[in-house]
Amino acid sequence: MELIQDYEQQYAVQTAEITAQIGRIALASGAERNKLISDVDRQLEESQELLEQIGLEIRDIPQNSRAAYTSRLNCYQAEWKRLQQEFNNAKVARSKAGYDSSVDDFDEIGIQEDQKRRLLDNTERLERTSNYLNDAYRISVETEQIGTQVLADLSQQRETIQRSRGRLRETDADLSRSSRILNSMIMRAMREKFILVAVVVAIFLVLILSIYFSIS
C-alpha cells in the first residue's frame, strides 16, 4: 500500500503541473507554445503510466481494502480524461484564435480577457484537484490506520482465544486427574467395606461355634 501512496503523490504533483501548463498554453505562442504542448503530451503519458501502475498494485492488496483503492483509481482516471480534454481544447482554442493575423486592437483585448479567464479557470481547477487529492490521501491514511487497528484487535483476540484454549486443556487435565483419584478412592473404600463385612461374618461364625461347643 505504501507503493500505491507513492504513486498517488507522484500523480498529484504531475497533474498539478499539467493543469498549470495547460493554462500557459493559451498565453504562449511560437516555440514556447510548441514546447509546452510537447511537455504536456509527455506528462500525460507518464501520468497514464502511473495510473496503470496503481491498477497493477491494487490487484495485489487484500480484498477488504481493494474497493476503496479501486474507487480512487476510477476518480484519477476520470480526472486524467478531463485533463486530456482540456489540453485538446487549449490547442484548438489557440489555433482558432490565431487564424487571422490582422485582428484589430479590440479583438486583441478580447483575446487577452479570454486568456485571463481561462487562466483563472485553470487555477481554480488546479486548486480543486489539489484539494481532492489531499482528501483522497487523507482517506487513504485513515483507512490504513483503521486496517492496522482491526488487525491489532484480531491479533489480540487470537491471543485471548489461545490462552483460553490453554486454560481449557489444563482444566481438562485436572478433571482427568481428579476422576482417576476419585475412582481410586471408591475402589479403596469398596475393598475396605468388603474386608469389614468379611471380619464381621468371621466374628459371627466364631460366636456361633463358641455357643455350639459350649452347649454340647
N, C-alpha and C. Protein backbone atom coordinates (compact mmCIF):
# COMPACT_ATOMS: atom_id res chain seq x y z
N MET A 1 0.82 -1.21 0.00
CA MET A 1 0.00 0.00 0.00
C MET A 1 0.86 1.27 0.00
N GLU A 2 2.03 1.20 0.59
CA GLU A 2 2.93 2.37 0.59
C GLU A 2 3.33 2.73 -0.84
N LEU A 3 3.54 1.71 -1.68
CA LEU A 3 3.91 1.98 -3.06
C LEU A 3 2.77 2.68 -3.79
N ILE A 4 1.53 2.27 -3.52
CA ILE A 4 0.37 2.92 -4.13
C ILE A 4 0.31 4.38 -3.71
N GLN A 5 0.54 4.65 -2.44
CA GLN A 5 0.51 6.03 -1.96
C GLN A 5 1.62 6.86 -2.61
N ASP A 6 2.78 6.28 -2.84
CA ASP A 6 3.86 7.00 -3.54
C ASP A 6 3.42 7.34 -4.96
N TYR A 7 2.80 6.38 -5.64
CA TYR A 7 2.29 6.63 -6.99
C TYR A 7 1.24 7.73 -6.98
N GLU A 8 0.37 7.72 -5.96
CA GLU A 8 -0.68 8.73 -5.88
C GLU A 8 -0.08 10.12 -5.68
N GLN A 9 0.95 10.23 -4.85
CA GLN A 9 1.58 11.52 -4.64
C GLN A 9 2.26 12.01 -5.93
N GLN A 10 2.93 11.09 -6.64
CA GLN A 10 3.55 11.46 -7.92
C GLN A 10 2.49 11.92 -8.92
N TYR A 11 1.36 11.22 -8.91
CA TYR A 11 0.27 11.58 -9.84
C TYR A 11 -0.29 12.95 -9.48
N ALA A 12 -0.43 13.26 -8.19
CA ALA A 12 -0.95 14.56 -7.76
C ALA A 12 -0.03 15.69 -8.22
N VAL A 13 1.27 15.49 -8.03
CA VAL A 13 2.23 16.52 -8.44
C VAL A 13 2.20 16.71 -9.96
N GLN A 14 2.14 15.60 -10.67
CA GLN A 14 2.19 15.67 -12.13
C GLN A 14 0.93 16.32 -12.71
N THR A 15 -0.25 15.95 -12.17
CA THR A 15 -1.49 16.56 -12.68
C THR A 15 -1.55 18.04 -12.35
N ALA A 16 -1.00 18.44 -11.22
CA ALA A 16 -0.95 19.87 -10.89
C ALA A 16 -0.08 20.61 -11.91
N GLU A 17 1.06 20.01 -12.26
CA GLU A 17 1.94 20.63 -13.27
C GLU A 17 1.27 20.67 -14.63
N ILE A 18 0.55 19.59 -14.98
CA ILE A 18 -0.15 19.56 -16.27
C ILE A 18 -1.20 20.66 -16.34
N THR A 19 -1.97 20.82 -15.25
CA THR A 19 -3.01 21.85 -15.22
C THR A 19 -2.40 23.24 -15.39
N ALA A 20 -1.28 23.49 -14.72
CA ALA A 20 -0.63 24.80 -14.85
C ALA A 20 -0.13 25.04 -16.27
N GLN A 21 0.45 24.02 -16.88
CA GLN A 21 0.97 24.19 -18.23
C GLN A 21 -0.15 24.34 -19.26
N ILE A 22 -1.27 23.67 -19.06
CA ILE A 22 -2.41 23.86 -19.97
C ILE A 22 -2.88 25.31 -19.93
N GLY A 23 -2.87 25.91 -18.74
CA GLY A 23 -3.24 27.32 -18.63
C GLY A 23 -2.25 28.23 -19.34
N ARG A 24 -0.97 27.83 -19.36
CA ARG A 24 0.05 28.66 -20.02
C ARG A 24 0.02 28.53 -21.53
N ILE A 25 -0.54 27.41 -22.03
CA ILE A 25 -0.60 27.23 -23.50
C ILE A 25 -1.41 28.35 -24.14
N ALA A 26 -2.51 28.77 -23.47
CA ALA A 26 -3.37 29.81 -24.03
C ALA A 26 -2.65 31.15 -24.13
N LEU A 27 -1.60 31.35 -23.33
CA LEU A 27 -0.88 32.63 -23.33
C LEU A 27 0.39 32.60 -24.17
N ALA A 28 0.82 31.40 -24.54
CA ALA A 28 2.10 31.27 -25.24
C ALA A 28 1.89 31.26 -26.76
N SER A 29 2.99 31.40 -27.46
CA SER A 29 2.96 31.36 -28.92
C SER A 29 4.31 30.90 -29.44
N GLY A 30 4.32 30.46 -30.69
CA GLY A 30 5.57 30.09 -31.33
C GLY A 30 6.24 28.89 -30.69
N ALA A 31 7.57 29.00 -30.52
CA ALA A 31 8.37 27.89 -30.00
C ALA A 31 7.99 27.55 -28.55
N GLU A 32 7.67 28.58 -27.76
CA GLU A 32 7.30 28.32 -26.37
C GLU A 32 6.02 27.48 -26.30
N ARG A 33 5.06 27.84 -27.15
CA ARG A 33 3.80 27.09 -27.17
C ARG A 33 4.03 25.65 -27.60
N ASN A 34 4.85 25.44 -28.61
CA ASN A 34 5.14 24.09 -29.07
C ASN A 34 5.83 23.26 -27.98
N LYS A 35 6.74 23.92 -27.26
CA LYS A 35 7.42 23.20 -26.17
C LYS A 35 6.44 22.81 -25.06
N LEU A 36 5.52 23.73 -24.72
CA LEU A 36 4.51 23.43 -23.70
C LEU A 36 3.64 22.25 -24.13
N ILE A 37 3.23 22.25 -25.39
CA ILE A 37 2.39 21.16 -25.89
C ILE A 37 3.13 19.83 -25.81
N SER A 38 4.42 19.87 -26.20
CA SER A 38 5.23 18.64 -26.13
C SER A 38 5.38 18.15 -24.69
N ASP A 39 5.62 19.12 -23.77
CA ASP A 39 5.77 18.74 -22.36
C ASP A 39 4.48 18.14 -21.81
N VAL A 40 3.35 18.75 -22.14
CA VAL A 40 2.06 18.24 -21.64
C VAL A 40 1.78 16.85 -22.20
N ASP A 41 2.08 16.67 -23.49
CA ASP A 41 1.90 15.34 -24.10
C ASP A 41 2.71 14.29 -23.33
N ARG A 42 3.97 14.61 -23.05
CA ARG A 42 4.83 13.67 -22.33
C ARG A 42 4.31 13.41 -20.93
N GLN A 43 3.91 14.46 -20.23
CA GLN A 43 3.45 14.30 -18.86
C GLN A 43 2.12 13.54 -18.79
N LEU A 44 1.27 13.73 -19.78
CA LEU A 44 0.02 12.97 -19.82
C LEU A 44 0.31 11.47 -19.98
N GLU A 45 1.29 11.16 -20.82
CA GLU A 45 1.66 9.75 -20.99
C GLU A 45 2.23 9.18 -19.69
N GLU A 46 3.10 9.97 -19.03
CA GLU A 46 3.70 9.50 -17.78
C GLU A 46 2.64 9.32 -16.69
N SER A 47 1.69 10.27 -16.61
CA SER A 47 0.63 10.14 -15.60
C SER A 47 -0.26 8.94 -15.88
N GLN A 48 -0.48 8.66 -17.17
CA GLN A 48 -1.28 7.47 -17.51
C GLN A 48 -0.54 6.19 -17.10
N GLU A 49 0.78 6.18 -17.28
CA GLU A 49 1.57 5.03 -16.83
C GLU A 49 1.50 4.86 -15.31
N LEU A 50 1.47 6.00 -14.58
CA LEU A 50 1.32 5.92 -13.13
C LEU A 50 -0.01 5.27 -12.76
N LEU A 51 -1.07 5.65 -13.46
CA LEU A 51 -2.38 5.05 -13.18
C LEU A 51 -2.37 3.56 -13.48
N GLU A 52 -1.67 3.16 -14.53
CA GLU A 52 -1.57 1.74 -14.84
C GLU A 52 -0.82 1.00 -13.74
N GLN A 53 0.24 1.63 -13.21
CA GLN A 53 1.00 1.01 -12.12
C GLN A 53 0.13 0.87 -10.87
N ILE A 54 -0.67 1.91 -10.60
CA ILE A 54 -1.58 1.85 -9.45
C ILE A 54 -2.56 0.70 -9.62
N GLY A 55 -3.10 0.55 -10.85
CA GLY A 55 -4.03 -0.55 -11.11
C GLY A 55 -3.39 -1.91 -10.88
N LEU A 56 -2.13 -2.06 -11.28
CA LEU A 56 -1.43 -3.34 -11.07
C LEU A 56 -1.21 -3.61 -9.58
N GLU A 57 -0.85 -2.55 -8.83
CA GLU A 57 -0.61 -2.74 -7.40
C GLU A 57 -1.90 -3.07 -6.65
N ILE A 58 -3.03 -2.51 -7.10
CA ILE A 58 -4.31 -2.76 -6.43
C ILE A 58 -4.66 -4.24 -6.49
N ARG A 59 -4.26 -4.91 -7.57
CA ARG A 59 -4.58 -6.34 -7.69
C ARG A 59 -3.92 -7.18 -6.61
N ASP A 60 -2.83 -6.68 -6.02
CA ASP A 60 -2.07 -7.47 -5.05
C ASP A 60 -2.41 -7.15 -3.60
N ILE A 61 -3.31 -6.17 -3.35
CA ILE A 61 -3.63 -5.82 -1.97
C ILE A 61 -4.79 -6.69 -1.49
N PRO A 62 -5.01 -6.79 -0.17
CA PRO A 62 -6.09 -7.61 0.37
C PRO A 62 -7.46 -7.19 -0.17
N GLN A 63 -8.37 -8.13 -0.23
CA GLN A 63 -9.69 -7.90 -0.80
C GLN A 63 -10.46 -6.82 -0.04
N ASN A 64 -10.30 -6.77 1.30
CA ASN A 64 -11.08 -5.82 2.08
C ASN A 64 -10.66 -4.37 1.86
N SER A 65 -9.47 -4.13 1.32
CA SER A 65 -9.00 -2.77 1.04
C SER A 65 -9.07 -2.43 -0.44
N ARG A 66 -9.36 -3.41 -1.28
CA ARG A 66 -9.29 -3.19 -2.72
C ARG A 66 -10.37 -2.25 -3.23
N ALA A 67 -11.57 -2.31 -2.65
CA ALA A 67 -12.69 -1.50 -3.15
C ALA A 67 -12.39 -0.01 -3.02
N ALA A 68 -11.84 0.42 -1.88
CA ALA A 68 -11.56 1.84 -1.66
C ALA A 68 -10.51 2.34 -2.65
N TYR A 69 -9.45 1.56 -2.86
CA TYR A 69 -8.40 1.97 -3.80
C TYR A 69 -8.91 1.95 -5.25
N THR A 70 -9.77 1.00 -5.58
CA THR A 70 -10.34 0.95 -6.93
C THR A 70 -11.20 2.18 -7.20
N SER A 71 -11.97 2.60 -6.20
CA SER A 71 -12.80 3.80 -6.35
C SER A 71 -11.94 5.04 -6.57
N ARG A 72 -10.84 5.15 -5.83
CA ARG A 72 -9.95 6.29 -6.03
C ARG A 72 -9.30 6.25 -7.41
N LEU A 73 -8.94 5.05 -7.87
CA LEU A 73 -8.34 4.93 -9.20
C LEU A 73 -9.32 5.38 -10.27
N ASN A 74 -10.59 5.03 -10.12
CA ASN A 74 -11.60 5.47 -11.09
C ASN A 74 -11.68 6.99 -11.13
N CYS A 75 -11.58 7.63 -9.96
CA CYS A 75 -11.60 9.10 -9.91
C CYS A 75 -10.37 9.69 -10.61
N TYR A 76 -9.21 9.06 -10.37
CA TYR A 76 -7.99 9.53 -11.03
C TYR A 76 -8.11 9.42 -12.56
N GLN A 77 -8.67 8.31 -13.01
CA GLN A 77 -8.82 8.11 -14.45
C GLN A 77 -9.78 9.13 -15.06
N ALA A 78 -10.86 9.43 -14.32
CA ALA A 78 -11.80 10.45 -14.80
C ALA A 78 -11.12 11.81 -14.86
N GLU A 79 -10.30 12.09 -13.84
CA GLU A 79 -9.56 13.36 -13.82
C GLU A 79 -8.56 13.42 -14.98
N TRP A 80 -7.91 12.31 -15.28
CA TRP A 80 -6.96 12.28 -16.40
C TRP A 80 -7.66 12.55 -17.73
N LYS A 81 -8.83 11.96 -17.91
CA LYS A 81 -9.59 12.21 -19.15
C LYS A 81 -10.01 13.67 -19.26
N ARG A 82 -10.35 14.28 -18.13
CA ARG A 82 -10.72 15.70 -18.15
C ARG A 82 -9.51 16.56 -18.53
N LEU A 83 -8.34 16.23 -17.99
CA LEU A 83 -7.13 16.97 -18.36
C LEU A 83 -6.81 16.81 -19.84
N GLN A 84 -6.98 15.60 -20.36
CA GLN A 84 -6.74 15.35 -21.78
C GLN A 84 -7.67 16.21 -22.63
N GLN A 85 -8.94 16.30 -22.22
CA GLN A 85 -9.91 17.09 -22.97
C GLN A 85 -9.57 18.58 -22.89
N GLU A 86 -9.18 19.06 -21.70
CA GLU A 86 -8.80 20.46 -21.56
C GLU A 86 -7.56 20.78 -22.41
N PHE A 87 -6.65 19.82 -22.47
CA PHE A 87 -5.45 20.01 -23.29
C PHE A 87 -5.83 20.14 -24.76
N ASN A 88 -6.70 19.27 -25.21
CA ASN A 88 -7.15 19.34 -26.61
C ASN A 88 -7.88 20.65 -26.88
N ASN A 89 -8.72 21.07 -25.93
CA ASN A 89 -9.45 22.33 -26.11
C ASN A 89 -8.49 23.52 -26.16
N ALA A 90 -7.44 23.49 -25.33
CA ALA A 90 -6.47 24.59 -25.31
C ALA A 90 -5.76 24.70 -26.65
N LYS A 91 -5.40 23.55 -27.23
CA LYS A 91 -4.72 23.59 -28.53
C LYS A 91 -5.66 24.11 -29.62
N VAL A 92 -6.89 23.65 -29.61
CA VAL A 92 -7.86 24.07 -30.63
C VAL A 92 -8.22 25.53 -30.46
N ALA A 93 -8.44 25.97 -29.22
CA ALA A 93 -8.82 27.36 -28.96
C ALA A 93 -7.74 28.31 -29.43
N ARG A 94 -6.48 27.95 -29.21
CA ARG A 94 -5.38 28.82 -29.63
C ARG A 94 -5.29 28.90 -31.13
N SER A 95 -5.50 27.76 -31.79
CA SER A 95 -5.39 27.77 -33.24
C SER A 95 -6.52 28.57 -33.86
N LYS A 96 -7.74 28.51 -33.25
CA LYS A 96 -8.85 29.31 -33.77
C LYS A 96 -8.63 30.79 -33.53
N ALA A 97 -8.08 31.08 -32.34
CA ALA A 97 -7.90 32.49 -32.00
C ALA A 97 -6.84 33.14 -32.87
N GLY A 98 -5.89 32.36 -33.39
CA GLY A 98 -4.79 32.96 -34.13
C GLY A 98 -4.85 32.75 -35.63
N TYR A 99 -6.04 32.37 -36.15
CA TYR A 99 -6.09 32.07 -37.59
C TYR A 99 -5.97 33.34 -38.42
N ASP A 100 -6.33 34.53 -37.88
CA ASP A 100 -6.30 35.78 -38.64
C ASP A 100 -5.32 36.71 -37.97
N SER A 101 -4.20 37.02 -38.65
CA SER A 101 -3.16 37.87 -38.05
C SER A 101 -3.47 39.35 -38.16
N SER A 102 -4.59 39.72 -38.77
CA SER A 102 -4.88 41.14 -38.98
C SER A 102 -6.00 41.63 -38.06
N VAL A 103 -6.18 40.97 -36.88
CA VAL A 103 -7.22 41.42 -35.95
C VAL A 103 -6.86 42.78 -35.42
N ASP A 104 -7.91 43.55 -35.06
CA ASP A 104 -7.67 44.91 -34.59
C ASP A 104 -7.44 44.91 -33.08
N ASP A 105 -7.24 46.10 -32.52
CA ASP A 105 -6.90 46.22 -31.11
C ASP A 105 -8.02 45.70 -30.22
N PHE A 106 -9.27 45.91 -30.62
CA PHE A 106 -10.38 45.45 -29.79
C PHE A 106 -10.40 43.93 -29.71
N ASP A 107 -10.11 43.28 -30.85
CA ASP A 107 -10.04 41.82 -30.85
C ASP A 107 -8.92 41.34 -29.94
N GLU A 108 -7.76 42.02 -29.97
CA GLU A 108 -6.64 41.63 -29.12
C GLU A 108 -7.01 41.74 -27.65
N ILE A 109 -7.74 42.81 -27.30
CA ILE A 109 -8.17 42.97 -25.91
C ILE A 109 -9.11 41.84 -25.51
N GLY A 110 -10.02 41.46 -26.45
CA GLY A 110 -10.94 40.36 -26.17
C GLY A 110 -10.21 39.05 -25.96
N ILE A 111 -9.18 38.82 -26.77
CA ILE A 111 -8.38 37.59 -26.62
C ILE A 111 -7.67 37.57 -25.27
N GLN A 112 -7.11 38.70 -24.86
CA GLN A 112 -6.41 38.76 -23.59
C GLN A 112 -7.36 38.49 -22.43
N GLU A 113 -8.56 39.09 -22.49
CA GLU A 113 -9.52 38.84 -21.43
C GLU A 113 -9.92 37.37 -21.38
N ASP A 114 -10.08 36.78 -22.57
CA ASP A 114 -10.44 35.36 -22.61
C ASP A 114 -9.32 34.50 -22.05
N GLN A 115 -8.09 34.88 -22.38
CA GLN A 115 -6.94 34.13 -21.86
C GLN A 115 -6.86 34.25 -20.34
N LYS A 116 -7.12 35.46 -19.81
CA LYS A 116 -7.10 35.63 -18.36
C LYS A 116 -8.17 34.78 -17.70
N ARG A 117 -9.37 34.76 -18.34
CA ARG A 117 -10.45 33.96 -17.78
C ARG A 117 -10.08 32.48 -17.77
N ARG A 118 -9.48 32.01 -18.87
CA ARG A 118 -9.07 30.61 -18.92
C ARG A 118 -8.01 30.30 -17.87
N LEU A 119 -7.08 31.24 -17.69
CA LEU A 119 -6.02 31.02 -16.69
C LEU A 119 -6.62 30.94 -15.29
N LEU A 120 -7.59 31.80 -15.00
CA LEU A 120 -8.25 31.77 -13.69
C LEU A 120 -9.02 30.46 -13.51
N ASP A 121 -9.70 30.03 -14.59
CA ASP A 121 -10.44 28.76 -14.51
C ASP A 121 -9.48 27.59 -14.25
N ASN A 122 -8.36 27.60 -14.95
CA ASN A 122 -7.38 26.52 -14.75
C ASN A 122 -6.80 26.55 -13.33
N THR A 123 -6.60 27.76 -12.81
CA THR A 123 -6.08 27.88 -11.44
C THR A 123 -7.08 27.32 -10.44
N GLU A 124 -8.36 27.64 -10.66
CA GLU A 124 -9.40 27.10 -9.76
C GLU A 124 -9.48 25.59 -9.85
N ARG A 125 -9.38 25.07 -11.08
CA ARG A 125 -9.41 23.61 -11.26
C ARG A 125 -8.19 22.97 -10.60
N LEU A 126 -7.04 23.64 -10.72
CA LEU A 126 -5.83 23.13 -10.08
C LEU A 126 -6.01 23.06 -8.56
N GLU A 127 -6.63 24.11 -7.99
CA GLU A 127 -6.86 24.11 -6.54
C GLU A 127 -7.84 23.01 -6.13
N ARG A 128 -8.91 22.84 -6.94
CA ARG A 128 -9.87 21.78 -6.63
C ARG A 128 -9.22 20.41 -6.73
N THR A 129 -8.40 20.23 -7.75
CA THR A 129 -7.71 18.93 -7.92
C THR A 129 -6.78 18.67 -6.75
N SER A 130 -6.04 19.70 -6.33
CA SER A 130 -5.12 19.55 -5.20
C SER A 130 -5.89 19.19 -3.93
N ASN A 131 -7.04 19.88 -3.71
CA ASN A 131 -7.85 19.58 -2.52
C ASN A 131 -8.39 18.16 -2.57
N TYR A 132 -8.82 17.75 -3.77
CA TYR A 132 -9.37 16.40 -3.90
C TYR A 132 -8.29 15.35 -3.62
N LEU A 133 -7.10 15.56 -4.17
CA LEU A 133 -6.03 14.60 -3.95
C LEU A 133 -5.59 14.57 -2.48
N ASN A 134 -5.61 15.74 -1.84
CA ASN A 134 -5.29 15.77 -0.41
C ASN A 134 -6.32 14.99 0.40
N ASP A 135 -7.60 15.18 0.02
CA ASP A 135 -8.66 14.43 0.71
C ASP A 135 -8.51 12.94 0.47
N ALA A 136 -8.19 12.57 -0.77
CA ALA A 136 -8.02 11.15 -1.09
C ALA A 136 -6.86 10.55 -0.31
N TYR A 137 -5.78 11.31 -0.20
CA TYR A 137 -4.63 10.82 0.57
C TYR A 137 -4.98 10.69 2.05
N ARG A 138 -5.73 11.68 2.57
CA ARG A 138 -6.14 11.61 3.98
C ARG A 138 -7.02 10.39 4.22
N ILE A 139 -7.96 10.14 3.31
CA ILE A 139 -8.83 8.97 3.45
C ILE A 139 -8.01 7.69 3.40
N SER A 140 -7.00 7.68 2.52
CA SER A 140 -6.13 6.50 2.42
C SER A 140 -5.40 6.25 3.73
N VAL A 141 -4.87 7.33 4.33
CA VAL A 141 -4.16 7.17 5.61
C VAL A 141 -5.11 6.69 6.70
N GLU A 142 -6.32 7.29 6.74
CA GLU A 142 -7.29 6.87 7.75
C GLU A 142 -7.70 5.42 7.55
N THR A 143 -7.89 5.02 6.29
CA THR A 143 -8.25 3.63 6.01
C THR A 143 -7.14 2.68 6.46
N GLU A 144 -5.89 3.08 6.20
CA GLU A 144 -4.77 2.24 6.61
C GLU A 144 -4.70 2.14 8.13
N GLN A 145 -4.96 3.26 8.82
CA GLN A 145 -4.93 3.24 10.29
C GLN A 145 -6.03 2.34 10.83
N ILE A 146 -7.23 2.42 10.22
CA ILE A 146 -8.33 1.56 10.66
C ILE A 146 -7.98 0.10 10.43
N GLY A 147 -7.39 -0.20 9.25
CA GLY A 147 -6.99 -1.57 8.97
C GLY A 147 -5.95 -2.08 9.95
N THR A 148 -5.00 -1.20 10.31
CA THR A 148 -3.98 -1.60 11.28
C THR A 148 -4.60 -1.88 12.65
N GLN A 149 -5.57 -1.03 13.04
CA GLN A 149 -6.23 -1.23 14.32
C GLN A 149 -7.04 -2.52 14.33
N VAL A 150 -7.72 -2.80 13.21
CA VAL A 150 -8.51 -4.04 13.11
C VAL A 150 -7.60 -5.26 13.22
N LEU A 151 -6.45 -5.20 12.52
CA LEU A 151 -5.51 -6.32 12.60
C LEU A 151 -4.97 -6.49 14.02
N ALA A 152 -4.72 -5.36 14.69
CA ALA A 152 -4.23 -5.45 16.07
C ALA A 152 -5.29 -6.07 16.98
N ASP A 153 -6.55 -5.66 16.78
CA ASP A 153 -7.64 -6.23 17.59
C ASP A 153 -7.79 -7.72 17.32
N LEU A 154 -7.71 -8.10 16.05
CA LEU A 154 -7.82 -9.52 15.72
C LEU A 154 -6.68 -10.32 16.33
N SER A 155 -5.47 -9.75 16.30
CA SER A 155 -4.33 -10.43 16.90
C SER A 155 -4.52 -10.60 18.41
N GLN A 156 -5.04 -9.54 19.06
CA GLN A 156 -5.28 -9.63 20.50
C GLN A 156 -6.35 -10.67 20.81
N GLN A 157 -7.42 -10.69 19.99
CA GLN A 157 -8.47 -11.69 20.20
C GLN A 157 -7.94 -13.11 19.99
N ARG A 158 -7.06 -13.24 19.01
CA ARG A 158 -6.48 -14.56 18.77
C ARG A 158 -5.64 -15.02 19.97
N GLU A 159 -4.86 -14.10 20.54
CA GLU A 159 -4.07 -14.45 21.72
C GLU A 159 -4.98 -14.82 22.89
N THR A 160 -6.10 -14.08 23.05
CA THR A 160 -7.05 -14.39 24.12
C THR A 160 -7.65 -15.78 23.94
N ILE A 161 -8.01 -16.10 22.69
CA ILE A 161 -8.59 -17.42 22.41
C ILE A 161 -7.56 -18.51 22.68
N GLN A 162 -6.31 -18.27 22.29
CA GLN A 162 -5.27 -19.27 22.53
C GLN A 162 -5.04 -19.48 24.03
N ARG A 163 -5.04 -18.38 24.81
CA ARG A 163 -4.88 -18.52 26.25
C ARG A 163 -6.06 -19.27 26.86
N SER A 164 -7.28 -18.96 26.39
CA SER A 164 -8.47 -19.66 26.90
C SER A 164 -8.41 -21.14 26.54
N ARG A 165 -7.93 -21.43 25.35
CA ARG A 165 -7.82 -22.84 24.95
C ARG A 165 -6.78 -23.56 25.81
N GLY A 166 -5.68 -22.86 26.13
CA GLY A 166 -4.67 -23.47 27.00
C GLY A 166 -5.23 -23.74 28.39
N ARG A 167 -5.98 -22.74 28.93
CA ARG A 167 -6.57 -22.96 30.26
C ARG A 167 -7.60 -24.08 30.21
N LEU A 168 -8.34 -24.22 29.10
CA LEU A 168 -9.32 -25.30 28.98
C LEU A 168 -8.63 -26.65 28.96
N ARG A 169 -7.49 -26.74 28.27
CA ARG A 169 -6.74 -28.00 28.27
C ARG A 169 -6.22 -28.34 29.67
N GLU A 170 -5.74 -27.30 30.37
CA GLU A 170 -5.26 -27.53 31.73
C GLU A 170 -6.41 -27.99 32.64
N THR A 171 -7.58 -27.37 32.48
CA THR A 171 -8.75 -27.76 33.28
C THR A 171 -9.16 -29.19 32.98
N ASP A 172 -9.13 -29.55 31.69
CA ASP A 172 -9.48 -30.92 31.31
C ASP A 172 -8.49 -31.92 31.92
N ALA A 173 -7.20 -31.56 31.93
CA ALA A 173 -6.20 -32.45 32.53
C ALA A 173 -6.44 -32.57 34.03
N ASP A 174 -6.79 -31.45 34.69
CA ASP A 174 -7.07 -31.50 36.13
C ASP A 174 -8.29 -32.37 36.42
N LEU A 175 -9.32 -32.26 35.58
CA LEU A 175 -10.52 -33.09 35.77
C LEU A 175 -10.20 -34.57 35.59
N SER A 176 -9.33 -34.86 34.60
CA SER A 176 -8.95 -36.25 34.38
C SER A 176 -8.22 -36.81 35.60
N ARG A 177 -7.29 -36.02 36.17
CA ARG A 177 -6.57 -36.46 37.36
C ARG A 177 -7.53 -36.62 38.55
N SER A 178 -8.46 -35.68 38.69
CA SER A 178 -9.42 -35.78 39.79
C SER A 178 -10.30 -37.02 39.63
N SER A 179 -10.69 -37.32 38.40
CA SER A 179 -11.52 -38.50 38.15
C SER A 179 -10.77 -39.78 38.51
N ARG A 180 -9.48 -39.84 38.16
CA ARG A 180 -8.69 -41.02 38.49
C ARG A 180 -8.54 -41.17 40.01
N ILE A 181 -8.29 -40.05 40.68
CA ILE A 181 -8.14 -40.10 42.14
C ILE A 181 -9.46 -40.55 42.79
N LEU A 182 -10.60 -40.00 42.29
CA LEU A 182 -11.90 -40.37 42.84
C LEU A 182 -12.18 -41.85 42.63
N ASN A 183 -11.88 -42.36 41.44
CA ASN A 183 -12.09 -43.79 41.17
C ASN A 183 -11.22 -44.65 42.08
N SER A 184 -9.98 -44.19 42.30
CA SER A 184 -9.09 -44.94 43.20
C SER A 184 -9.64 -44.96 44.62
N MET A 185 -10.17 -43.82 45.06
CA MET A 185 -10.74 -43.76 46.40
C MET A 185 -11.96 -44.65 46.53
N ILE A 186 -12.82 -44.69 45.50
CA ILE A 186 -14.01 -45.55 45.52
C ILE A 186 -13.61 -47.02 45.60
N MET A 187 -12.62 -47.40 44.80
CA MET A 187 -12.17 -48.79 44.82
C MET A 187 -11.60 -49.15 46.19
N ARG A 188 -10.83 -48.23 46.79
CA ARG A 188 -10.26 -48.50 48.11
C ARG A 188 -11.36 -48.63 49.15
N ALA A 189 -12.39 -47.76 49.06
CA ALA A 189 -13.49 -47.84 50.01
C ALA A 189 -14.25 -49.15 49.86
N MET A 190 -14.43 -49.60 48.60
CA MET A 190 -15.12 -50.87 48.39
C MET A 190 -14.32 -52.03 48.95
N ARG A 191 -12.99 -52.00 48.81
CA ARG A 191 -12.16 -53.07 49.36
C ARG A 191 -12.24 -53.08 50.90
N GLU A 192 -12.16 -51.89 51.48
CA GLU A 192 -12.24 -51.81 52.94
C GLU A 192 -13.60 -52.28 53.45
N LYS A 193 -14.67 -51.93 52.69
CA LYS A 193 -16.01 -52.39 53.08
C LYS A 193 -16.10 -53.90 52.99
N PHE A 194 -15.52 -54.48 51.94
CA PHE A 194 -15.55 -55.94 51.80
C PHE A 194 -14.79 -56.62 52.93
N ILE A 195 -13.63 -56.06 53.29
CA ILE A 195 -12.85 -56.62 54.40
C ILE A 195 -13.64 -56.53 55.71
N LEU A 196 -14.30 -55.36 55.91
CA LEU A 196 -15.08 -55.18 57.14
C LEU A 196 -16.21 -56.20 57.22
N VAL A 197 -16.91 -56.43 56.09
CA VAL A 197 -18.00 -57.42 56.08
C VAL A 197 -17.46 -58.81 56.36
N ALA A 198 -16.29 -59.13 55.77
CA ALA A 198 -15.69 -60.45 56.00
C ALA A 198 -15.32 -60.63 57.46
N VAL A 199 -14.79 -59.57 58.09
CA VAL A 199 -14.43 -59.65 59.51
C VAL A 199 -15.67 -59.85 60.37
N VAL A 200 -16.75 -59.12 60.06
CA VAL A 200 -18.00 -59.27 60.84
C VAL A 200 -18.54 -60.68 60.70
N VAL A 201 -18.54 -61.21 59.47
CA VAL A 201 -19.03 -62.57 59.25
C VAL A 201 -18.18 -63.58 60.02
N ALA A 202 -16.86 -63.36 59.98
CA ALA A 202 -15.96 -64.28 60.70
C ALA A 202 -16.23 -64.24 62.20
N ILE A 203 -16.39 -63.07 62.75
CA ILE A 203 -16.69 -62.95 64.19
C ILE A 203 -18.00 -63.62 64.52
N PHE A 204 -18.99 -63.42 63.64
CA PHE A 204 -20.30 -64.03 63.86
C PHE A 204 -20.19 -65.55 63.87
N LEU A 205 -19.42 -66.10 62.94
CA LEU A 205 -19.24 -67.56 62.88
C LEU A 205 -18.52 -68.07 64.13
N VAL A 206 -17.52 -67.30 64.56
CA VAL A 206 -16.78 -67.71 65.77
C VAL A 206 -17.72 -67.75 66.96
N LEU A 207 -18.58 -66.75 67.10
CA LEU A 207 -19.54 -66.71 68.21
C LEU A 207 -20.49 -67.91 68.16
N ILE A 208 -21.00 -68.20 66.96
CA ILE A 208 -21.92 -69.33 66.81
C ILE A 208 -21.24 -70.63 67.20
N LEU A 209 -19.99 -70.79 66.70
CA LEU A 209 -19.27 -72.03 67.02
C LEU A 209 -18.98 -72.13 68.52
N SER A 210 -18.65 -70.99 69.11
CA SER A 210 -18.37 -70.99 70.55
C SER A 210 -19.61 -71.39 71.34
N ILE A 211 -20.77 -70.85 70.98
CA ILE A 211 -22.02 -71.19 71.66
C ILE A 211 -22.35 -72.66 71.46
N TYR A 212 -22.15 -73.14 70.26
CA TYR A 212 -22.48 -74.54 69.96
C TYR A 212 -21.62 -75.49 70.80
N PHE A 213 -20.32 -75.22 70.84
CA PHE A 213 -19.45 -76.12 71.59
C PHE A 213 -19.70 -76.01 73.09
N SER A 214 -20.10 -74.82 73.56
CA SER A 214 -20.36 -74.67 74.98
C SER A 214 -21.63 -75.42 75.40
N ILE A 215 -22.61 -75.51 74.56
CA ILE A 215 -23.85 -76.21 74.84
C ILE A 215 -23.62 -77.73 74.82
N SER A 216 -22.92 -78.17 73.81
CA SER A 216 -22.70 -79.60 73.69
C SER A 216 -21.67 -80.08 74.71
